[in-house]
Every structure is written in C-alpha cells, then in structure tokens.
N, C-alpha and C. Protein backbone atom coordinates (compact mmCIF):
# COMPACT_ATOMS: atom_id res chain seq x y z
N MET A 1 -37.51 8.29 -52.88
CA MET A 1 -37.75 8.68 -51.47
C MET A 1 -37.85 10.12 -51.25
N SER A 2 -38.65 10.47 -50.44
CA SER A 2 -38.73 12.01 -50.20
C SER A 2 -37.77 12.39 -49.14
N GLY A 3 -37.39 13.67 -49.02
CA GLY A 3 -36.47 14.15 -47.96
C GLY A 3 -36.87 13.80 -46.62
N ASN A 4 -38.21 13.87 -46.33
CA ASN A 4 -38.69 13.58 -45.02
C ASN A 4 -38.49 12.08 -44.68
N THR A 5 -38.53 11.20 -45.61
CA THR A 5 -38.33 9.76 -45.28
C THR A 5 -36.95 9.53 -44.99
N ILE A 6 -36.01 10.08 -45.73
CA ILE A 6 -34.59 9.93 -45.46
C ILE A 6 -34.30 10.40 -44.07
N ILE A 7 -34.72 11.55 -43.70
CA ILE A 7 -34.49 12.13 -42.43
C ILE A 7 -35.01 11.22 -41.26
N THR A 8 -36.19 10.64 -41.47
CA THR A 8 -36.80 9.82 -40.48
C THR A 8 -35.98 8.59 -40.39
N ILE A 9 -35.39 7.93 -41.48
CA ILE A 9 -34.60 6.78 -41.31
C ILE A 9 -33.32 7.08 -40.67
N LEU A 10 -32.73 8.29 -41.03
CA LEU A 10 -31.48 8.69 -40.30
C LEU A 10 -31.65 8.86 -38.76
N ILE A 11 -32.80 9.44 -38.48
CA ILE A 11 -33.05 9.67 -36.94
C ILE A 11 -33.24 8.25 -36.35
N LEU A 12 -33.98 7.35 -36.97
CA LEU A 12 -34.19 5.99 -36.37
C LEU A 12 -32.85 5.20 -36.28
N ALA A 13 -32.04 5.38 -37.26
CA ALA A 13 -30.68 4.75 -37.11
C ALA A 13 -29.91 5.28 -36.05
N VAL A 14 -29.90 6.49 -35.75
CA VAL A 14 -29.11 7.21 -34.75
C VAL A 14 -29.77 6.72 -33.36
N ILE A 15 -31.08 6.60 -33.24
CA ILE A 15 -31.65 6.13 -32.01
C ILE A 15 -31.23 4.72 -31.75
N ALA A 16 -31.25 3.83 -32.87
CA ALA A 16 -30.89 2.48 -32.65
C ALA A 16 -29.45 2.28 -32.27
N VAL A 17 -28.49 3.05 -32.84
CA VAL A 17 -27.09 3.00 -32.39
C VAL A 17 -26.93 3.37 -30.97
N VAL A 18 -27.59 4.54 -30.45
CA VAL A 18 -27.51 5.03 -29.14
C VAL A 18 -28.16 3.89 -28.21
N ALA A 19 -29.16 3.44 -28.48
CA ALA A 19 -29.88 2.34 -27.68
C ALA A 19 -28.88 1.18 -27.52
N PHE A 20 -28.27 0.73 -28.62
CA PHE A 20 -27.34 -0.44 -28.55
C PHE A 20 -26.22 -0.15 -27.62
N ILE A 21 -25.61 1.02 -27.79
CA ILE A 21 -24.45 1.33 -26.95
C ILE A 21 -24.85 1.52 -25.45
N THR A 22 -26.05 2.11 -25.28
CA THR A 22 -26.50 2.18 -23.82
C THR A 22 -26.77 0.81 -23.25
N ILE A 23 -27.33 -0.18 -23.93
CA ILE A 23 -27.61 -1.50 -23.39
C ILE A 23 -26.36 -2.21 -23.24
N ARG A 24 -25.35 -2.07 -24.10
CA ARG A 24 -24.11 -2.84 -23.92
C ARG A 24 -23.36 -2.24 -22.67
N ASN A 25 -23.39 -0.99 -22.47
CA ASN A 25 -22.63 -0.34 -21.36
C ASN A 25 -23.36 -0.82 -20.07
N TYR A 26 -24.64 -0.85 -20.07
CA TYR A 26 -25.40 -1.26 -18.89
C TYR A 26 -25.11 -2.72 -18.56
N ARG A 27 -25.10 -3.60 -19.60
CA ARG A 27 -24.72 -5.05 -19.23
C ARG A 27 -23.31 -5.12 -18.73
N LYS A 28 -22.44 -4.37 -19.27
CA LYS A 28 -21.02 -4.44 -18.73
C LYS A 28 -20.92 -3.91 -17.26
N GLN A 29 -21.68 -2.88 -16.98
CA GLN A 29 -21.77 -2.40 -15.64
C GLN A 29 -22.33 -3.37 -14.65
N LEU A 30 -23.40 -4.09 -15.07
CA LEU A 30 -23.98 -5.15 -14.26
C LEU A 30 -22.94 -6.29 -13.99
N LYS A 31 -22.10 -6.57 -14.96
CA LYS A 31 -21.32 -7.74 -14.83
C LYS A 31 -20.04 -7.37 -14.11
N GLU A 32 -19.43 -6.13 -14.33
CA GLU A 32 -18.12 -5.80 -13.74
C GLU A 32 -18.14 -4.79 -12.63
N GLY A 33 -19.28 -4.21 -12.29
CA GLY A 33 -19.49 -3.16 -11.33
C GLY A 33 -19.24 -1.78 -11.93
N CYS A 34 -19.33 -0.78 -11.08
CA CYS A 34 -19.43 0.62 -11.52
C CYS A 34 -18.09 1.00 -12.18
N CYS A 35 -17.00 0.56 -11.65
CA CYS A 35 -15.79 1.10 -12.14
C CYS A 35 -14.94 -0.03 -12.87
N GLY A 36 -15.48 -1.10 -13.23
CA GLY A 36 -14.83 -2.08 -14.00
C GLY A 36 -13.94 -2.92 -13.08
N ALA A 37 -13.73 -4.12 -13.68
CA ALA A 37 -12.83 -5.03 -12.89
C ALA A 37 -11.44 -5.09 -13.43
N GLY A 38 -11.19 -4.24 -14.40
CA GLY A 38 -9.85 -4.30 -15.08
C GLY A 38 -8.79 -3.57 -14.27
N GLY A 39 -8.11 -2.79 -14.91
CA GLY A 39 -6.99 -2.09 -14.28
C GLY A 39 -5.71 -2.72 -14.34
N ASP A 40 -4.71 -2.29 -13.72
CA ASP A 40 -3.38 -2.82 -13.73
C ASP A 40 -3.26 -4.29 -13.20
N ASP A 41 -4.12 -4.50 -12.19
CA ASP A 41 -4.14 -5.83 -11.53
C ASP A 41 -4.80 -6.87 -12.38
N GLY A 42 -5.66 -6.61 -13.24
CA GLY A 42 -6.45 -7.45 -13.94
C GLY A 42 -7.70 -7.87 -13.15
N PRO A 43 -8.64 -8.51 -13.77
CA PRO A 43 -9.88 -8.86 -13.06
C PRO A 43 -9.59 -9.74 -11.86
N GLY A 44 -10.18 -9.43 -10.68
CA GLY A 44 -10.22 -10.32 -9.57
C GLY A 44 -8.87 -10.46 -8.84
N ALA A 45 -7.86 -9.79 -9.29
CA ALA A 45 -6.56 -9.98 -8.67
C ALA A 45 -6.55 -9.20 -7.32
N LYS A 46 -6.00 -9.84 -6.36
CA LYS A 46 -5.98 -9.21 -5.04
C LYS A 46 -4.56 -9.21 -4.43
N VAL A 47 -4.07 -8.00 -3.96
CA VAL A 47 -2.81 -7.86 -3.44
C VAL A 47 -2.85 -8.20 -1.95
N GLU A 48 -2.03 -9.11 -1.58
CA GLU A 48 -1.96 -9.49 -0.04
C GLU A 48 -0.81 -8.64 0.47
N PRO A 49 -0.81 -8.31 1.75
CA PRO A 49 0.23 -7.65 2.37
C PRO A 49 1.47 -8.62 2.48
N LYS A 50 2.65 -8.00 2.57
CA LYS A 50 3.83 -8.90 2.64
C LYS A 50 3.85 -9.75 3.88
N ASP A 51 3.33 -9.03 5.00
CA ASP A 51 3.40 -9.85 6.37
C ASP A 51 1.96 -10.02 6.67
N THR A 52 1.48 -11.26 6.77
CA THR A 52 0.21 -11.63 7.04
C THR A 52 0.00 -12.10 8.56
N ASN A 53 0.98 -11.83 9.37
CA ASN A 53 0.86 -12.16 10.79
C ASN A 53 0.33 -10.93 11.58
N GLN A 54 -0.93 -10.96 12.01
CA GLN A 54 -1.50 -9.82 12.58
C GLN A 54 -0.91 -9.37 13.87
N ASP A 55 -0.16 -10.28 14.53
CA ASP A 55 0.57 -10.02 15.75
C ASP A 55 1.71 -8.97 15.59
N ASN A 56 2.17 -8.88 14.30
CA ASN A 56 3.21 -7.98 13.97
C ASN A 56 2.81 -6.55 13.77
N TYR A 57 1.56 -6.28 13.69
CA TYR A 57 0.95 -4.93 13.62
C TYR A 57 0.53 -4.42 14.91
N LYS A 58 1.18 -3.44 15.33
CA LYS A 58 0.84 -2.88 16.77
C LYS A 58 -0.14 -1.83 16.75
N TYR A 59 -0.55 -1.22 15.58
CA TYR A 59 -1.54 -0.05 15.54
C TYR A 59 -2.60 -0.48 14.54
N ILE A 60 -3.72 0.20 14.75
CA ILE A 60 -4.87 0.11 13.84
C ILE A 60 -5.38 1.58 13.58
N ALA A 61 -5.66 1.66 12.31
CA ALA A 61 -6.22 3.07 11.92
C ALA A 61 -7.65 2.85 11.35
N ASP A 62 -8.44 3.77 11.75
CA ASP A 62 -9.84 3.84 11.24
C ASP A 62 -9.89 4.94 10.19
N VAL A 63 -10.27 4.53 9.07
CA VAL A 63 -10.14 5.52 7.83
C VAL A 63 -11.56 5.57 7.19
N LYS A 64 -12.02 6.82 7.02
CA LYS A 64 -13.21 7.06 6.27
C LYS A 64 -12.87 7.45 4.92
N ILE A 65 -13.59 6.83 3.95
CA ILE A 65 -13.31 6.96 2.43
C ILE A 65 -14.55 7.32 1.69
N GLU A 66 -14.41 8.35 0.83
CA GLU A 66 -15.49 8.75 -0.07
C GLU A 66 -15.22 8.31 -1.40
N GLY A 67 -16.28 7.91 -2.16
CA GLY A 67 -16.16 7.61 -3.62
C GLY A 67 -16.23 6.12 -4.02
N MET A 68 -16.42 5.27 -2.97
CA MET A 68 -16.39 3.80 -3.29
C MET A 68 -17.83 3.54 -3.55
N HIS A 69 -18.12 2.70 -4.64
CA HIS A 69 -19.49 2.37 -5.10
C HIS A 69 -19.69 0.85 -5.32
N CYS A 70 -18.66 0.08 -5.26
CA CYS A 70 -18.81 -1.27 -5.59
C CYS A 70 -17.68 -2.10 -5.04
N GLU A 71 -17.68 -3.42 -5.07
CA GLU A 71 -16.62 -4.31 -4.61
C GLU A 71 -15.33 -4.00 -5.40
N ASN A 72 -15.45 -3.59 -6.70
CA ASN A 72 -14.12 -3.34 -7.36
C ASN A 72 -13.50 -2.12 -6.77
N CYS A 73 -14.17 -1.11 -6.28
CA CYS A 73 -13.76 0.06 -5.55
C CYS A 73 -12.98 -0.48 -4.31
N VAL A 74 -13.59 -1.36 -3.57
CA VAL A 74 -13.06 -1.86 -2.33
C VAL A 74 -11.78 -2.62 -2.59
N ARG A 75 -11.69 -3.38 -3.66
CA ARG A 75 -10.45 -4.06 -4.03
C ARG A 75 -9.36 -3.02 -4.36
N LYS A 76 -9.70 -2.04 -5.14
CA LYS A 76 -8.71 -1.02 -5.55
C LYS A 76 -8.05 -0.39 -4.27
N VAL A 77 -8.89 -0.08 -3.33
CA VAL A 77 -8.43 0.63 -2.07
C VAL A 77 -7.58 -0.39 -1.23
N GLU A 78 -7.98 -1.61 -1.09
CA GLU A 78 -7.22 -2.61 -0.39
C GLU A 78 -6.00 -2.82 -1.06
N ASN A 79 -5.91 -3.08 -2.40
CA ASN A 79 -4.74 -3.27 -3.06
C ASN A 79 -3.70 -2.09 -2.89
N ALA A 80 -4.21 -0.93 -3.00
CA ALA A 80 -3.38 0.25 -2.91
C ALA A 80 -2.67 0.32 -1.48
N VAL A 81 -3.44 0.04 -0.49
CA VAL A 81 -2.85 0.04 0.91
C VAL A 81 -1.97 -1.23 1.17
N ASN A 82 -2.48 -2.31 0.68
CA ASN A 82 -1.61 -3.48 0.95
C ASN A 82 -0.25 -3.51 0.23
N ARG A 83 -0.08 -2.73 -0.77
CA ARG A 83 1.23 -2.61 -1.46
C ARG A 83 2.13 -1.81 -0.55
N ILE A 84 1.72 -1.15 0.49
CA ILE A 84 2.58 -0.36 1.33
C ILE A 84 3.15 -1.30 2.45
N ASP A 85 4.43 -1.32 2.52
CA ASP A 85 5.07 -2.27 3.48
C ASP A 85 4.73 -1.81 4.93
N GLY A 86 4.15 -2.66 5.74
CA GLY A 86 3.83 -2.38 7.05
C GLY A 86 2.31 -1.95 7.22
N ALA A 87 1.52 -2.09 6.09
CA ALA A 87 0.06 -1.79 6.26
C ALA A 87 -0.71 -2.98 5.65
N TRP A 88 -1.87 -3.19 6.31
CA TRP A 88 -2.82 -4.21 5.86
C TRP A 88 -4.25 -3.72 6.01
N ALA A 89 -4.96 -3.57 4.85
CA ALA A 89 -6.30 -2.97 4.84
C ALA A 89 -7.39 -3.95 4.80
N ASP A 90 -8.53 -3.68 5.42
CA ASP A 90 -9.75 -4.39 5.44
C ASP A 90 -10.81 -3.35 5.16
N VAL A 91 -11.27 -3.26 3.95
CA VAL A 91 -12.38 -2.13 3.61
C VAL A 91 -13.65 -2.69 3.63
N ASP A 92 -14.56 -1.78 4.13
CA ASP A 92 -16.11 -2.06 4.30
C ASP A 92 -16.78 -1.12 3.47
N LEU A 93 -17.39 -1.59 2.40
CA LEU A 93 -18.17 -0.68 1.44
C LEU A 93 -19.40 -0.16 2.16
N ALA A 94 -20.06 -0.89 2.94
CA ALA A 94 -21.36 -0.45 3.58
C ALA A 94 -21.10 0.79 4.45
N SER A 95 -19.96 0.85 5.12
CA SER A 95 -19.75 2.01 5.99
C SER A 95 -18.73 3.03 5.39
N ASN A 96 -18.29 2.80 4.11
CA ASN A 96 -17.28 3.58 3.49
C ASN A 96 -16.07 3.82 4.36
N SER A 97 -15.57 2.76 4.92
CA SER A 97 -14.44 2.87 5.78
C SER A 97 -13.52 1.69 5.66
N ALA A 98 -12.36 1.86 6.31
CA ALA A 98 -11.39 0.77 6.30
C ALA A 98 -10.75 0.71 7.69
N LYS A 99 -10.47 -0.50 8.01
CA LYS A 99 -9.60 -0.84 9.34
C LYS A 99 -8.29 -1.13 8.69
N ILE A 100 -7.18 -0.48 9.09
CA ILE A 100 -5.93 -0.68 8.47
C ILE A 100 -5.00 -1.01 9.66
N LEU A 101 -4.33 -2.20 9.62
CA LEU A 101 -3.37 -2.60 10.57
C LEU A 101 -2.12 -2.01 10.10
N LEU A 102 -1.36 -1.45 11.09
CA LEU A 102 -0.10 -0.64 10.79
C LEU A 102 1.01 -1.16 11.78
N LYS A 103 2.23 -1.30 11.15
CA LYS A 103 3.42 -1.54 11.96
C LYS A 103 3.95 -0.18 12.40
N ASP A 104 3.74 0.84 11.75
CA ASP A 104 4.31 2.13 12.20
C ASP A 104 3.14 3.18 12.05
N PRO A 105 2.82 3.96 13.04
CA PRO A 105 1.67 4.86 12.92
C PRO A 105 1.97 6.04 12.03
N LYS A 106 3.21 6.26 11.59
CA LYS A 106 3.58 7.33 10.80
C LYS A 106 3.33 7.10 9.24
N LEU A 107 2.59 6.05 8.83
CA LEU A 107 2.24 5.74 7.53
C LEU A 107 1.01 6.46 7.00
N GLU A 108 0.47 7.37 7.75
CA GLU A 108 -0.80 7.97 7.35
C GLU A 108 -0.64 8.78 6.06
N LYS A 109 0.37 9.56 5.87
CA LYS A 109 0.41 10.30 4.56
C LYS A 109 0.60 9.38 3.37
N GLN A 110 1.35 8.35 3.56
CA GLN A 110 1.61 7.40 2.52
C GLN A 110 0.24 6.65 2.09
N ILE A 111 -0.50 6.37 3.14
CA ILE A 111 -1.77 5.64 2.87
C ILE A 111 -2.81 6.58 2.25
N LYS A 112 -2.85 7.83 2.67
CA LYS A 112 -3.83 8.80 2.07
C LYS A 112 -3.49 9.00 0.60
N MET A 113 -2.12 9.16 0.29
CA MET A 113 -1.68 9.27 -1.08
C MET A 113 -2.08 8.09 -1.88
N ALA A 114 -1.86 7.00 -1.41
CA ALA A 114 -2.15 5.73 -2.12
C ALA A 114 -3.69 5.61 -2.46
N ILE A 115 -4.51 6.04 -1.55
CA ILE A 115 -6.03 5.94 -1.80
C ILE A 115 -6.34 7.00 -2.78
N ALA A 116 -5.82 8.33 -2.43
CA ALA A 116 -6.09 9.44 -3.45
C ALA A 116 -5.63 9.10 -4.90
N ASN A 117 -4.54 8.31 -5.04
CA ASN A 117 -4.05 8.06 -6.38
C ASN A 117 -5.06 7.10 -7.17
N ASN A 118 -6.00 6.48 -6.40
CA ASN A 118 -6.92 5.65 -6.98
C ASN A 118 -8.27 6.27 -7.06
N ASP A 119 -8.30 7.67 -6.97
CA ASP A 119 -9.49 8.45 -7.20
C ASP A 119 -10.46 8.26 -6.07
N PHE A 120 -10.09 8.09 -4.81
CA PHE A 120 -10.91 8.10 -3.68
C PHE A 120 -10.41 9.07 -2.66
N LEU A 121 -11.29 9.56 -1.86
CA LEU A 121 -10.98 10.67 -0.83
C LEU A 121 -11.05 10.16 0.57
N VAL A 122 -9.92 10.43 1.32
CA VAL A 122 -9.95 10.04 2.75
C VAL A 122 -10.53 11.24 3.47
N THR A 123 -11.64 11.02 4.23
CA THR A 123 -12.27 12.19 5.00
C THR A 123 -12.01 12.02 6.52
N GLY A 124 -11.42 10.97 6.93
CA GLY A 124 -11.09 10.80 8.30
C GLY A 124 -10.06 9.74 8.54
N PHE A 125 -9.11 10.05 9.50
CA PHE A 125 -8.08 9.06 9.72
C PHE A 125 -7.65 9.22 11.23
N SER A 126 -7.85 8.03 11.93
CA SER A 126 -7.38 8.06 13.29
C SER A 126 -6.61 6.75 13.56
N VAL A 127 -5.57 6.91 14.26
CA VAL A 127 -4.68 5.74 14.65
C VAL A 127 -4.65 5.53 16.19
N ALA A 128 -4.68 4.28 16.58
CA ALA A 128 -4.52 3.90 17.97
C ALA A 128 -3.78 2.66 18.09
N GLU A 129 -3.20 2.43 19.29
CA GLU A 129 -2.55 1.11 19.55
C GLU A 129 -3.63 0.08 19.60
N LYS A 130 -3.23 -1.15 19.08
CA LYS A 130 -4.13 -2.26 19.17
C LYS A 130 -4.24 -2.72 20.62
N ALA A 131 -5.56 -3.07 20.87
CA ALA A 131 -5.73 -3.63 22.24
C ALA A 131 -5.25 -5.01 22.54
C-alpha cells in the first residue's frame, strides 16, 4: 500500500467514527430531550409539593425563566421549586414562565436560587395575593 492509500483509509475511518458518534447523540437527544432525562431524580421522576391543597397557598408568583428548551427542563424547574416547603410550581415551556403558589411571599430569594442552581435564569418575579 502506498502512503496516500493509508492516509485515505485513516481519514475515512475518522469520518466514520465522527458520523457514528453524531448519529448516536442525535438519537439520544430525540429520545430524551435536549438536556437528558437523567439527573438525580432519575428519568420521569416528579417531585410533588408537600402540601397539595391549593387553598393553603395565599400568594401567587409570576416568574419569567430563561434557558428552558424541553419538557425535561420544565421538570427540573418544577422539581427544584416543589422541594421548597411552601411553594408549588406549574411551569409553561411555551411562555418560558412559571406560576408558583406560595404560602409566604418572602420565598422569592430561595426560589430564584433553586432555579439558578439548575442552570436557568430568572428574569422576572412578581408576587400577588391570590384572588
């Protein structure tokens, strides 16, 4: 074999490996979403708030969130907020926002930190008494 033939074979092998990895990652992304379904909670795990009686929540926060791209992102934000005692999140991917029921309106800092710790950015936060 000549030197050019060996180089051509090596280049084709590298291209084949890159194509294989790209296709495998693309299939995984289609199956699990952009940020994967794994994490500490495991696939599909959902954290419910400790108190699921909506009447016990006297306040509602409208929160704008940047960085969500799929339903796995939504689950991560909801789980982060639902772990906070006195908070219950309902996240909407289409509007990049969340409605969060609160027992205490002073939970803003804790909620922002929980969302930020999951690599998302809170760009707006307003709290009002429920009607």
